[in-house]
Amino acid sequence: SPLTVPMLMPNGPAAHVGIELKARAGVHAPVSACASGAEAIAWAYRML
């Protein structure tokens, strides 16, 4: 599939949601194993 890379890249979930919501302040994808989801929330706290 020509969509292979966009489908397998770890930032794919964030990118798709960001595009749908037209978010332009930043789209980020922490990859910290089993702490990734919590780190995303911590990152959001700091940006806000």
All heavy atoms as atom14 arrays in JSON, in Angstrom:
{
  "sequence": "SPLTVPMLMPNGPAAHVGIELKARAGVHAPVSACASGAEAIAWAYRML",
  "atom14_mask": [
    [1, 1, 1, 1, 1, 1, 0, 0, 0, 0, 0, 0, 0, 0],
    [1, 1, 1, 1, 1, 1, 1, 0, 0, 0, 0, 0, 0, 0],
    [1, 1, 1, 1, 1, 1, 1, 1, 0, 0, 0, 0, 0, 0],
    [1, 1, 1, 1, 1, 1, 1, 0, 0, 0, 0, 0, 0, 0],
    [1, 1, 1, 1, 1, 1, 1, 0, 0, 0, 0, 0, 0, 0],
    [1, 1, 1, 1, 1, 1, 1, 0, 0, 0, 0, 0, 0, 0],
    [1, 1, 1, 1, 1, 1, 1, 1, 0, 0, 0, 0, 0, 0],
    [1, 1, 1, 1, 1, 1, 1, 1, 0, 0, 0, 0, 0, 0],
    [1, 1, 1, 1, 1, 1, 1, 1, 0, 0, 0, 0, 0, 0],
    [1, 1, 1, 1, 1, 1, 1, 0, 0, 0, 0, 0, 0, 0],
    [1, 1, 1, 1, 1, 1, 1, 1, 0, 0, 0, 0, 0, 0],
    [1, 1, 1, 1, 0, 0, 0, 0, 0, 0, 0, 0, 0, 0],
    [1, 1, 1, 1, 1, 1, 1, 0, 0, 0, 0, 0, 0, 0],
    [1, 1, 1, 1, 1, 0, 0, 0, 0, 0, 0, 0, 0, 0],
    [1, 1, 1, 1, 1, 0, 0, 0, 0, 0, 0, 0, 0, 0],
    [1, 1, 1, 1, 1, 1, 1, 1, 1, 1, 0, 0, 0, 0],
    [1, 1, 1, 1, 1, 1, 1, 0, 0, 0, 0, 0, 0, 0],
    [1, 1, 1, 1, 0, 0, 0, 0, 0, 0, 0, 0, 0, 0],
    [1, 1, 1, 1, 1, 1, 1, 1, 0, 0, 0, 0, 0, 0],
    [1, 1, 1, 1, 1, 1, 1, 1, 1, 0, 0, 0, 0, 0],
    [1, 1, 1, 1, 1, 1, 1, 1, 0, 0, 0, 0, 0, 0],
    [1, 1, 1, 1, 1, 1, 1, 1, 1, 0, 0, 0, 0, 0],
    [1, 1, 1, 1, 1, 0, 0, 0, 0, 0, 0, 0, 0, 0],
    [1, 1, 1, 1, 1, 1, 1, 1, 1, 1, 1, 0, 0, 0],
    [1, 1, 1, 1, 1, 0, 0, 0, 0, 0, 0, 0, 0, 0],
    [1, 1, 1, 1, 0, 0, 0, 0, 0, 0, 0, 0, 0, 0],
    [1, 1, 1, 1, 1, 1, 1, 0, 0, 0, 0, 0, 0, 0],
    [1, 1, 1, 1, 1, 1, 1, 1, 1, 1, 0, 0, 0, 0],
    [1, 1, 1, 1, 1, 0, 0, 0, 0, 0, 0, 0, 0, 0],
    [1, 1, 1, 1, 1, 1, 1, 0, 0, 0, 0, 0, 0, 0],
    [1, 1, 1, 1, 1, 1, 1, 0, 0, 0, 0, 0, 0, 0],
    [1, 1, 1, 1, 1, 1, 0, 0, 0, 0, 0, 0, 0, 0],
    [1, 1, 1, 1, 1, 0, 0, 0, 0, 0, 0, 0, 0, 0],
    [1, 1, 1, 1, 1, 1, 0, 0, 0, 0, 0, 0, 0, 0],
    [1, 1, 1, 1, 1, 0, 0, 0, 0, 0, 0, 0, 0, 0],
    [1, 1, 1, 1, 1, 1, 0, 0, 0, 0, 0, 0, 0, 0],
    [1, 1, 1, 1, 0, 0, 0, 0, 0, 0, 0, 0, 0, 0],
    [1, 1, 1, 1, 1, 0, 0, 0, 0, 0, 0, 0, 0, 0],
    [1, 1, 1, 1, 1, 1, 1, 1, 1, 0, 0, 0, 0, 0],
    [1, 1, 1, 1, 1, 0, 0, 0, 0, 0, 0, 0, 0, 0],
    [1, 1, 1, 1, 1, 1, 1, 1, 0, 0, 0, 0, 0, 0],
    [1, 1, 1, 1, 1, 0, 0, 0, 0, 0, 0, 0, 0, 0],
    [1, 1, 1, 1, 1, 1, 1, 1, 1, 1, 1, 1, 1, 1],
    [1, 1, 1, 1, 1, 0, 0, 0, 0, 0, 0, 0, 0, 0],
    [1, 1, 1, 1, 1, 1, 1, 1, 1, 1, 1, 1, 0, 0],
    [1, 1, 1, 1, 1, 1, 1, 1, 1, 1, 1, 0, 0, 0],
    [1, 1, 1, 1, 1, 1, 1, 1, 0, 0, 0, 0, 0, 0],
    [1, 1, 1, 1, 1, 1, 1, 1, 0, 0, 0, 0, 0, 0]
  ],
  "atom14_positions": [
    [[0.82, -1.21, 0.0], [0.0, 0.0, 0.0], [0.86, 1.27, 0.0], [1.85, 1.35, 0.74], [-0.9, 0.03, 1.23], [-1.54, 1.28, 1.37], [0.0, 0.0, 0.0], [0.0, 0.0, 0.0], [0.0, 0.0, 0.0], [0.0, 0.0, 0.0], [0.0, 0.0, 0.0], [0.0, 0.0, 0.0], [0.0, 0.0, 0.0], [0.0, 0.0, 0.0]],
    [[0.49, 2.27, -0.78], [1.21, 3.55, -0.73], [1.0, 4.28, 0.59], [1.7, 5.25, 0.89], [0.59, 4.33, -1.9], [-0.74, 3.72, -2.12], [-0.58, 2.27, -1.8], [0.0, 0.0, 0.0], [0.0, 0.0, 0.0], [0.0, 0.0, 0.0], [0.0, 0.0, 0.0], [0.0, 0.0, 0.0], [0.0, 0.0, 0.0], [0.0, 0.0, 0.0]],
    [[0.04, 3.8, 1.4], [-0.22, 4.39, 2.71], [0.54, 3.68, 3.83], [0.31, 3.96, 5.0], [-1.72, 4.35, 3.01], [-2.62, 5.17, 2.09], [-4.09, 4.95, 2.45], [-2.27, 6.65, 2.17], [0.0, 0.0, 0.0], [0.0, 0.0, 0.0], [0.0, 0.0, 0.0], [0.0, 0.0, 0.0], [0.0, 0.0, 0.0], [0.0, 0.0, 0.0]],
    [[1.44, 2.78, 3.46], [2.15, 1.97, 4.46], [2.84, 2.83, 5.52], [2.66, 2.62, 6.72], [3.18, 1.05, 3.78], [2.49, 0.1, 2.97], [4.01, 0.3, 4.82], [0.0, 0.0, 0.0], [0.0, 0.0, 0.0], [0.0, 0.0, 0.0], [0.0, 0.0, 0.0], [0.0, 0.0, 0.0], [0.0, 0.0, 0.0], [0.0, 0.0, 0.0]],
    [[3.65, 3.78, 5.09], [4.4, 4.58, 6.06], [3.49, 5.43, 6.94], [3.63, 5.44, 8.17], [5.49, 5.42, 5.37], [6.15, 6.37, 6.36], [6.53, 4.5, 4.73], [0.0, 0.0, 0.0], [0.0, 0.0, 0.0], [0.0, 0.0, 0.0], [0.0, 0.0, 0.0], [0.0, 0.0, 0.0], [0.0, 0.0, 0.0], [0.0, 0.0, 0.0]],
    [[2.51, 6.18, 6.38], [1.6, 6.93, 7.25], [0.81, 6.04, 8.21], [0.38, 6.51, 9.27], [0.65, 7.62, 6.26], [1.44, 7.73, 5.0], [2.28, 6.48, 4.95], [0.0, 0.0, 0.0], [0.0, 0.0, 0.0], [0.0, 0.0, 0.0], [0.0, 0.0, 0.0], [0.0, 0.0, 0.0], [0.0, 0.0, 0.0], [0.0, 0.0, 0.0]],
    [[0.63, 4.76, 7.86], [-0.11, 3.87, 8.73], [0.75, 3.26, 9.83], [0.24, 2.91, 10.9], [-0.77, 2.75, 7.92], [-1.92, 3.24, 7.03], [-2.57, 1.96, 5.93], [-3.36, 0.85, 7.1], [0.0, 0.0, 0.0], [0.0, 0.0, 0.0], [0.0, 0.0, 0.0], [0.0, 0.0, 0.0], [0.0, 0.0, 0.0], [0.0, 0.0, 0.0]],
    [[2.06, 3.12, 9.57], [2.89, 2.46, 10.58], [3.65, 3.44, 11.47], [4.14, 3.08, 12.54], [3.86, 1.47, 9.93], [4.99, 1.99, 9.03], [6.2, 2.46, 9.83], [5.44, 0.87, 8.06], [0.0, 0.0, 0.0], [0.0, 0.0, 0.0], [0.0, 0.0, 0.0], [0.0, 0.0, 0.0], [0.0, 0.0, 0.0], [0.0, 0.0, 0.0]],
    [[3.77, 4.71, 11.06], [4.59, 5.64, 11.83], [3.95, 5.95, 13.19], [2.73, 6.13, 13.29], [4.84, 6.91, 11.03], [3.61, 7.72, 10.65], [4.03, 9.02, 9.46], [2.51, 9.99, 9.49], [0.0, 0.0, 0.0], [0.0, 0.0, 0.0], [0.0, 0.0, 0.0], [0.0, 0.0, 0.0], [0.0, 0.0, 0.0], [0.0, 0.0, 0.0]],
    [[4.76, 5.99, 14.25], [4.21, 6.21, 15.6], [3.48, 7.53, 15.78], [2.64, 7.66, 16.67], [5.47, 6.16, 16.49], [6.45, 5.36, 15.72], [6.2, 5.71, 14.28], [0.0, 0.0, 0.0], [0.0, 0.0, 0.0], [0.0, 0.0, 0.0], [0.0, 0.0, 0.0], [0.0, 0.0, 0.0], [0.0, 0.0, 0.0], [0.0, 0.0, 0.0]],
    [[3.81, 8.53, 14.94], [3.09, 9.8, 15.04], [1.8, 9.81, 14.24], [1.08, 10.82, 14.21], [3.97, 10.97, 14.59], [4.35, 10.87, 13.12], [4.81, 9.82, 12.67], [4.18, 11.94, 12.37], [0.0, 0.0, 0.0], [0.0, 0.0, 0.0], [0.0, 0.0, 0.0], [0.0, 0.0, 0.0], [0.0, 0.0, 0.0], [0.0, 0.0, 0.0]],
    [[1.46, 8.68, 13.62], [0.25, 8.6, 12.82], [-1.02, 8.91, 13.59], [-1.86, 9.69, 13.11], [0.0, 0.0, 0.0], [0.0, 0.0, 0.0], [0.0, 0.0, 0.0], [0.0, 0.0, 0.0], [0.0, 0.0, 0.0], [0.0, 0.0, 0.0], [0.0, 0.0, 0.0], [0.0, 0.0, 0.0], [0.0, 0.0, 0.0], [0.0, 0.0, 0.0]],
    [[-1.23, 8.34, 14.79], [-2.46, 8.65, 15.54], [-2.6, 10.15, 15.81], [-3.67, 10.72, 15.6], [-2.27, 7.85, 16.84], [-1.42, 6.69, 16.44], [-0.46, 7.24, 15.43], [0.0, 0.0, 0.0], [0.0, 0.0, 0.0], [0.0, 0.0, 0.0], [0.0, 0.0, 0.0], [0.0, 0.0, 0.0], [0.0, 0.0, 0.0], [0.0, 0.0, 0.0]],
    [[-1.53, 10.79, 16.27], [-1.59, 12.22, 16.56], [-1.81, 13.02, 15.29], [-2.59, 13.99, 15.27], [-0.3, 12.67, 17.25], [0.0, 0.0, 0.0], [0.0, 0.0, 0.0], [0.0, 0.0, 0.0], [0.0, 0.0, 0.0], [0.0, 0.0, 0.0], [0.0, 0.0, 0.0], [0.0, 0.0, 0.0], [0.0, 0.0, 0.0], [0.0, 0.0, 0.0]],
    [[-1.14, 12.62, 14.22], [-1.24, 13.36, 12.96], [-2.66, 13.32, 12.4], [-3.2, 14.36, 11.97], [-0.26, 12.8, 11.94], [0.0, 0.0, 0.0], [0.0, 0.0, 0.0], [0.0, 0.0, 0.0], [0.0, 0.0, 0.0], [0.0, 0.0, 0.0], [0.0, 0.0, 0.0], [0.0, 0.0, 0.0], [0.0, 0.0, 0.0], [0.0, 0.0, 0.0]],
    [[-3.27, 12.16, 12.4], [-4.63, 12.04, 11.86], [-5.63, 12.88, 12.66], [-6.49, 13.56, 12.09], [-5.06, 10.58, 11.82], [-4.54, 9.83, 10.63], [-5.04, 10.01, 9.37], [-3.54, 8.91, 10.53], [-4.38, 9.22, 8.51], [-3.48, 8.56, 9.19], [0.0, 0.0, 0.0], [0.0, 0.0, 0.0], [0.0, 0.0, 0.0], [0.0, 0.0, 0.0]],
    [[-5.51, 12.82, 13.98], [-6.41, 13.61, 14.81], [-6.15, 15.1, 14.62], [-7.08, 15.91, 14.51], [-6.26, 13.22, 16.29], [-7.08, 14.15, 17.19], [-6.7, 11.77, 16.51], [0.0, 0.0, 0.0], [0.0, 0.0, 0.0], [0.0, 0.0, 0.0], [0.0, 0.0, 0.0], [0.0, 0.0, 0.0], [0.0, 0.0, 0.0], [0.0, 0.0, 0.0]],
    [[-4.87, 15.47, 14.55], [-4.53, 16.87, 14.35], [-5.06, 17.43, 13.04], [-5.56, 18.56, 12.99], [0.0, 0.0, 0.0], [0.0, 0.0, 0.0], [0.0, 0.0, 0.0], [0.0, 0.0, 0.0], [0.0, 0.0, 0.0], [0.0, 0.0, 0.0], [0.0, 0.0, 0.0], [0.0, 0.0, 0.0], [0.0, 0.0, 0.0], [0.0, 0.0, 0.0]],
    [[-4.97, 16.64, 11.99], [-5.47, 17.08, 10.69], [-7.0, 17.22, 10.73], [-7.56, 18.19, 10.22], [-5.03, 16.1, 9.59], [-3.51, 16.2, 9.38], [-5.77, 16.37, 8.29], [-2.93, 15.1, 8.53], [0.0, 0.0, 0.0], [0.0, 0.0, 0.0], [0.0, 0.0, 0.0], [0.0, 0.0, 0.0], [0.0, 0.0, 0.0], [0.0, 0.0, 0.0]],
    [[-7.66, 16.25, 11.34], [-9.13, 16.3, 11.41], [-9.61, 17.54, 12.17], [-10.59, 18.18, 11.79], [-9.67, 15.04, 12.08], [-11.17, 15.03, 12.23], [-11.72, 13.68, 12.68], [-11.31, 12.65, 12.11], [-12.55, 13.68, 13.6], [0.0, 0.0, 0.0], [0.0, 0.0, 0.0], [0.0, 0.0, 0.0], [0.0, 0.0, 0.0], [0.0, 0.0, 0.0]],
    [[-8.9, 17.89, 13.25], [-9.31, 19.03, 14.07], [-8.7, 20.34, 13.6], [-8.99, 21.39, 14.17], [-8.91, 18.78, 15.54], [-9.56, 17.57, 16.23], [-9.06, 17.44, 17.65], [-11.08, 17.68, 16.2], [0.0, 0.0, 0.0], [0.0, 0.0, 0.0], [0.0, 0.0, 0.0], [0.0, 0.0, 0.0], [0.0, 0.0, 0.0], [0.0, 0.0, 0.0]],
    [[-7.85, 20.26, 12.58], [-7.15, 21.44, 12.05], [-6.33, 22.13, 13.14], [-6.25, 23.37, 13.22], [-8.15, 22.42, 11.43], [-8.87, 21.85, 10.21], [-9.86, 22.84, 9.62], [-10.46, 22.33, 8.31], [-11.15, 21.04, 8.45], [0.0, 0.0, 0.0], [0.0, 0.0, 0.0], [0.0, 0.0, 0.0], [0.0, 0.0, 0.0], [0.0, 0.0, 0.0]],
    [[-5.69, 21.31, 13.99], [-4.87, 21.83, 15.08], [-3.55, 22.38, 14.52], [-2.83, 21.66, 13.82], [-4.59, 20.73, 16.09], [0.0, 0.0, 0.0], [0.0, 0.0, 0.0], [0.0, 0.0, 0.0], [0.0, 0.0, 0.0], [0.0, 0.0, 0.0], [0.0, 0.0, 0.0], [0.0, 0.0, 0.0], [0.0, 0.0, 0.0], [0.0, 0.0, 0.0]],
    [[-3.24, 23.63, 14.87], [-2.04, 24.25, 14.32], [-1.07, 24.76, 15.39], [-0.04, 25.34, 15.06], [-2.44, 25.4, 13.38], [-3.27, 24.96, 12.18], [-3.26, 25.97, 11.06], [-3.88, 27.23, 11.44], [-5.08, 27.64, 10.99], [-5.78, 26.88, 10.16], [-5.58, 28.8, 11.37], [0.0, 0.0, 0.0], [0.0, 0.0, 0.0], [0.0, 0.0, 0.0]],
    [[-1.38, 24.51, 16.66], [-0.45, 24.91, 17.71], [0.62, 23.83, 17.94], [1.57, 24.05, 18.68], [-1.19, 25.19, 19.02], [0.0, 0.0, 0.0], [0.0, 0.0, 0.0], [0.0, 0.0, 0.0], [0.0, 0.0, 0.0], [0.0, 0.0, 0.0], [0.0, 0.0, 0.0], [0.0, 0.0, 0.0], [0.0, 0.0, 0.0], [0.0, 0.0, 0.0]],
    [[0.44, 22.7, 17.29], [1.41, 21.62, 17.43], [0.74, 20.26, 17.44], [-0.37, 20.11, 17.97], [0.0, 0.0, 0.0], [0.0, 0.0, 0.0], [0.0, 0.0, 0.0], [0.0, 0.0, 0.0], [0.0, 0.0, 0.0], [0.0, 0.0, 0.0], [0.0, 0.0, 0.0], [0.0, 0.0, 0.0], [0.0, 0.0, 0.0], [0.0, 0.0, 0.0]],
    [[1.39, 19.29, 16.82], [0.96, 17.89, 16.87], [2.18, 17.08, 17.27], [3.19, 17.07, 16.56], [0.4, 17.41, 15.52], [0.16, 15.91, 15.54], [-0.9, 18.13, 15.19], [0.0, 0.0, 0.0], [0.0, 0.0, 0.0], [0.0, 0.0, 0.0], [0.0, 0.0, 0.0], [0.0, 0.0, 0.0], [0.0, 0.0, 0.0], [0.0, 0.0, 0.0]],
    [[2.09, 16.4, 18.42], [3.25, 15.72, 18.98], [2.91, 14.27, 19.33], [1.75, 13.94, 19.58], [3.74, 16.45, 20.22], [4.01, 17.9, 19.99], [5.09, 18.36, 19.28], [3.31, 19.01, 20.36], [5.07, 19.68, 19.23], [4.0, 20.09, 19.87], [0.0, 0.0, 0.0], [0.0, 0.0, 0.0], [0.0, 0.0, 0.0], [0.0, 0.0, 0.0]],
    [[3.94, 13.43, 19.38], [3.73, 12.0, 19.62], [4.84, 11.44, 20.51], [5.81, 10.87, 20.02], [3.68, 11.24, 18.3], [0.0, 0.0, 0.0], [0.0, 0.0, 0.0], [0.0, 0.0, 0.0], [0.0, 0.0, 0.0], [0.0, 0.0, 0.0], [0.0, 0.0, 0.0], [0.0, 0.0, 0.0], [0.0, 0.0, 0.0], [0.0, 0.0, 0.0]],
    [[4.71, 11.58, 21.82], [5.71, 10.99, 22.73], [5.76, 9.47, 22.57], [4.72, 8.82, 22.5], [5.21, 11.37, 24.12], [4.26, 12.49, 23.91], [3.65, 12.28, 22.57], [0.0, 0.0, 0.0], [0.0, 0.0, 0.0], [0.0, 0.0, 0.0], [0.0, 0.0, 0.0], [0.0, 0.0, 0.0], [0.0, 0.0, 0.0], [0.0, 0.0, 0.0]],
    [[6.94, 8.93, 22.48], [7.12, 7.47, 22.42], [8.0, 7.08, 23.6], [9.23, 7.16, 23.52], [7.75, 7.04, 21.08], [7.93, 5.52, 21.06], [6.86, 7.48, 19.91], [0.0, 0.0, 0.0], [0.0, 0.0, 0.0], [0.0, 0.0, 0.0], [0.0, 0.0, 0.0], [0.0, 0.0, 0.0], [0.0, 0.0, 0.0], [0.0, 0.0, 0.0]],
    [[7.36, 6.71, 24.69], [8.05, 6.39, 25.93], [7.57, 5.06, 26.48], [7.27, 4.93, 27.67], [7.83, 7.5, 26.97], [8.19, 8.76, 26.45], [0.0, 0.0, 0.0], [0.0, 0.0, 0.0], [0.0, 0.0, 0.0], [0.0, 0.0, 0.0], [0.0, 0.0, 0.0], [0.0, 0.0, 0.0], [0.0, 0.0, 0.0], [0.0, 0.0, 0.0]],
    [[7.45, 4.08, 25.56], [6.97, 2.75, 25.93], [5.63, 2.87, 26.66], [4.74, 3.58, 26.2], [8.02, 2.02, 26.76], [0.0, 0.0, 0.0], [0.0, 0.0, 0.0], [0.0, 0.0, 0.0], [0.0, 0.0, 0.0], [0.0, 0.0, 0.0], [0.0, 0.0, 0.0], [0.0, 0.0, 0.0], [0.0, 0.0, 0.0], [0.0, 0.0, 0.0]],
    [[5.51, 2.22, 27.81], [4.22, 2.15, 28.49], [3.88, 3.43, 29.25], [2.81, 3.53, 29.85], [4.2, 0.96, 29.44], [4.6, -0.59, 28.61], [0.0, 0.0, 0.0], [0.0, 0.0, 0.0], [0.0, 0.0, 0.0], [0.0, 0.0, 0.0], [0.0, 0.0, 0.0], [0.0, 0.0, 0.0], [0.0, 0.0, 0.0], [0.0, 0.0, 0.0]],
    [[4.76, 4.41, 29.22], [4.48, 5.71, 29.83], [4.04, 6.74, 28.79], [3.81, 7.91, 29.12], [5.72, 6.22, 30.57], [0.0, 0.0, 0.0], [0.0, 0.0, 0.0], [0.0, 0.0, 0.0], [0.0, 0.0, 0.0], [0.0, 0.0, 0.0], [0.0, 0.0, 0.0], [0.0, 0.0, 0.0], [0.0, 0.0, 0.0], [0.0, 0.0, 0.0]],
    [[3.9, 6.34, 27.53], [3.67, 7.29, 26.43], [2.39, 8.11, 26.59], [2.39, 9.34, 26.41], [3.63, 6.54, 25.09], [4.83, 5.86, 24.85], [0.0, 0.0, 0.0], [0.0, 0.0, 0.0], [0.0, 0.0, 0.0], [0.0, 0.0, 0.0], [0.0, 0.0, 0.0], [0.0, 0.0, 0.0], [0.0, 0.0, 0.0], [0.0, 0.0, 0.0]],
    [[1.29, 7.46, 26.91], [0.03, 8.17, 27.05], [0.05, 9.18, 28.18], [-0.45, 10.3, 28.05], [0.0, 0.0, 0.0], [0.0, 0.0, 0.0], [0.0, 0.0, 0.0], [0.0, 0.0, 0.0], [0.0, 0.0, 0.0], [0.0, 0.0, 0.0], [0.0, 0.0, 0.0], [0.0, 0.0, 0.0], [0.0, 0.0, 0.0], [0.0, 0.0, 0.0]],
    [[0.64, 8.78, 29.3], [0.75, 9.7, 30.44], [1.7, 10.85, 30.12], [1.46, 11.99, 30.51], [1.24, 8.94, 31.68], [0.0, 0.0, 0.0], [0.0, 0.0, 0.0], [0.0, 0.0, 0.0], [0.0, 0.0, 0.0], [0.0, 0.0, 0.0], [0.0, 0.0, 0.0], [0.0, 0.0, 0.0], [0.0, 0.0, 0.0], [0.0, 0.0, 0.0]],
    [[2.77, 10.56, 29.39], [3.71, 11.62, 29.04], [3.06, 12.63, 28.1], [3.35, 13.83, 28.16], [4.97, 11.05, 28.42], [6.03, 12.1, 28.16], [7.44, 11.55, 28.12], [7.7, 10.47, 28.67], [8.29, 12.23, 27.54], [0.0, 0.0, 0.0], [0.0, 0.0, 0.0], [0.0, 0.0, 0.0], [0.0, 0.0, 0.0], [0.0, 0.0, 0.0]],
    [[2.16, 12.15, 27.24], [1.43, 13.07, 26.36], [0.61, 14.05, 27.18], [0.54, 15.25, 26.87], [0.53, 12.28, 25.42], [0.0, 0.0, 0.0], [0.0, 0.0, 0.0], [0.0, 0.0, 0.0], [0.0, 0.0, 0.0], [0.0, 0.0, 0.0], [0.0, 0.0, 0.0], [0.0, 0.0, 0.0], [0.0, 0.0, 0.0], [0.0, 0.0, 0.0]],
    [[-0.02, 13.57, 28.24], [-0.83, 14.43, 29.1], [0.06, 15.4, 29.87], [-0.28, 16.58, 30.04], [-1.7, 13.58, 30.04], [-2.73, 12.78, 29.22], [-2.39, 14.43, 31.09], [-3.49, 11.73, 30.01], [0.0, 0.0, 0.0], [0.0, 0.0, 0.0], [0.0, 0.0, 0.0], [0.0, 0.0, 0.0], [0.0, 0.0, 0.0], [0.0, 0.0, 0.0]],
    [[1.22, 14.92, 30.32], [2.18, 15.8, 31.0], [2.68, 16.89, 30.06], [2.83, 18.06, 30.43], [3.35, 14.99, 31.55], [0.0, 0.0, 0.0], [0.0, 0.0, 0.0], [0.0, 0.0, 0.0], [0.0, 0.0, 0.0], [0.0, 0.0, 0.0], [0.0, 0.0, 0.0], [0.0, 0.0, 0.0], [0.0, 0.0, 0.0], [0.0, 0.0, 0.0]],
    [[2.93, 16.51, 28.81], [3.38, 17.46, 27.79], [2.3, 18.53, 27.55], [2.6, 19.73, 27.44], [3.68, 16.7, 26.51], [4.48, 17.4, 25.46], [4.56, 18.75, 25.23], [5.3, 16.78, 24.47], [5.37, 19.0, 24.16], [5.85, 17.82, 23.67], [5.62, 15.46, 24.16], [6.69, 17.56, 22.58], [6.46, 15.2, 23.08], [7.0, 16.24, 22.32]],
    [[1.05, 18.08, 27.51], [-0.06, 19.02, 27.33], [-0.12, 20.03, 28.47], [-0.32, 21.24, 28.25], [-1.37, 18.26, 27.22], [0.0, 0.0, 0.0], [0.0, 0.0, 0.0], [0.0, 0.0, 0.0], [0.0, 0.0, 0.0], [0.0, 0.0, 0.0], [0.0, 0.0, 0.0], [0.0, 0.0, 0.0], [0.0, 0.0, 0.0], [0.0, 0.0, 0.0]],
    [[0.06, 19.54, 29.68], [0.06, 20.42, 30.86], [1.11, 21.51, 30.7], [0.83, 22.7, 30.94], [0.35, 19.56, 32.09], [0.56, 20.32, 33.39], [-0.51, 20.56, 34.25], [1.83, 20.76, 33.77], [-0.32, 21.23, 35.46], [2.03, 21.44, 34.96], [0.95, 21.67, 35.8], [1.16, 22.33, 36.98], [0.0, 0.0, 0.0], [0.0, 0.0, 0.0]],
    [[2.29, 21.13, 30.28], [3.37, 22.11, 30.17], [3.12, 23.1, 29.05], [3.42, 24.3, 29.19], [4.7, 21.37, 29.98], [5.13, 20.64, 31.25], [6.24, 19.64, 31.02], [6.66, 19.04, 32.29], [7.24, 17.86, 32.4], [7.47, 17.13, 31.31], [7.6, 17.38, 33.58], [0.0, 0.0, 0.0], [0.0, 0.0, 0.0], [0.0, 0.0, 0.0]],
    [[2.58, 22.65, 27.92], [2.26, 23.57, 26.83], [1.19, 24.58, 27.24], [1.26, 25.76, 26.9], [1.8, 22.8, 25.6], [2.91, 22.15, 24.8], [2.3, 21.47, 23.23], [1.95, 22.99, 22.32], [0.0, 0.0, 0.0], [0.0, 0.0, 0.0], [0.0, 0.0, 0.0], [0.0, 0.0, 0.0], [0.0, 0.0, 0.0], [0.0, 0.0, 0.0]],
    [[0.2, 24.1, 27.99], [-0.86, 25.01, 28.43], [-0.33, 26.0, 29.46], [-0.68, 27.18, 29.44], [-2.02, 24.2, 29.02], [-2.84, 23.4, 28.01], [-3.71, 22.36, 28.71], [-3.72, 24.32, 27.16], [0.0, 0.0, 0.0], [0.0, 0.0, 0.0], [0.0, 0.0, 0.0], [0.0, 0.0, 0.0], [0.0, 0.0, 0.0], [0.0, 0.0, 0.0]]
  ]
}
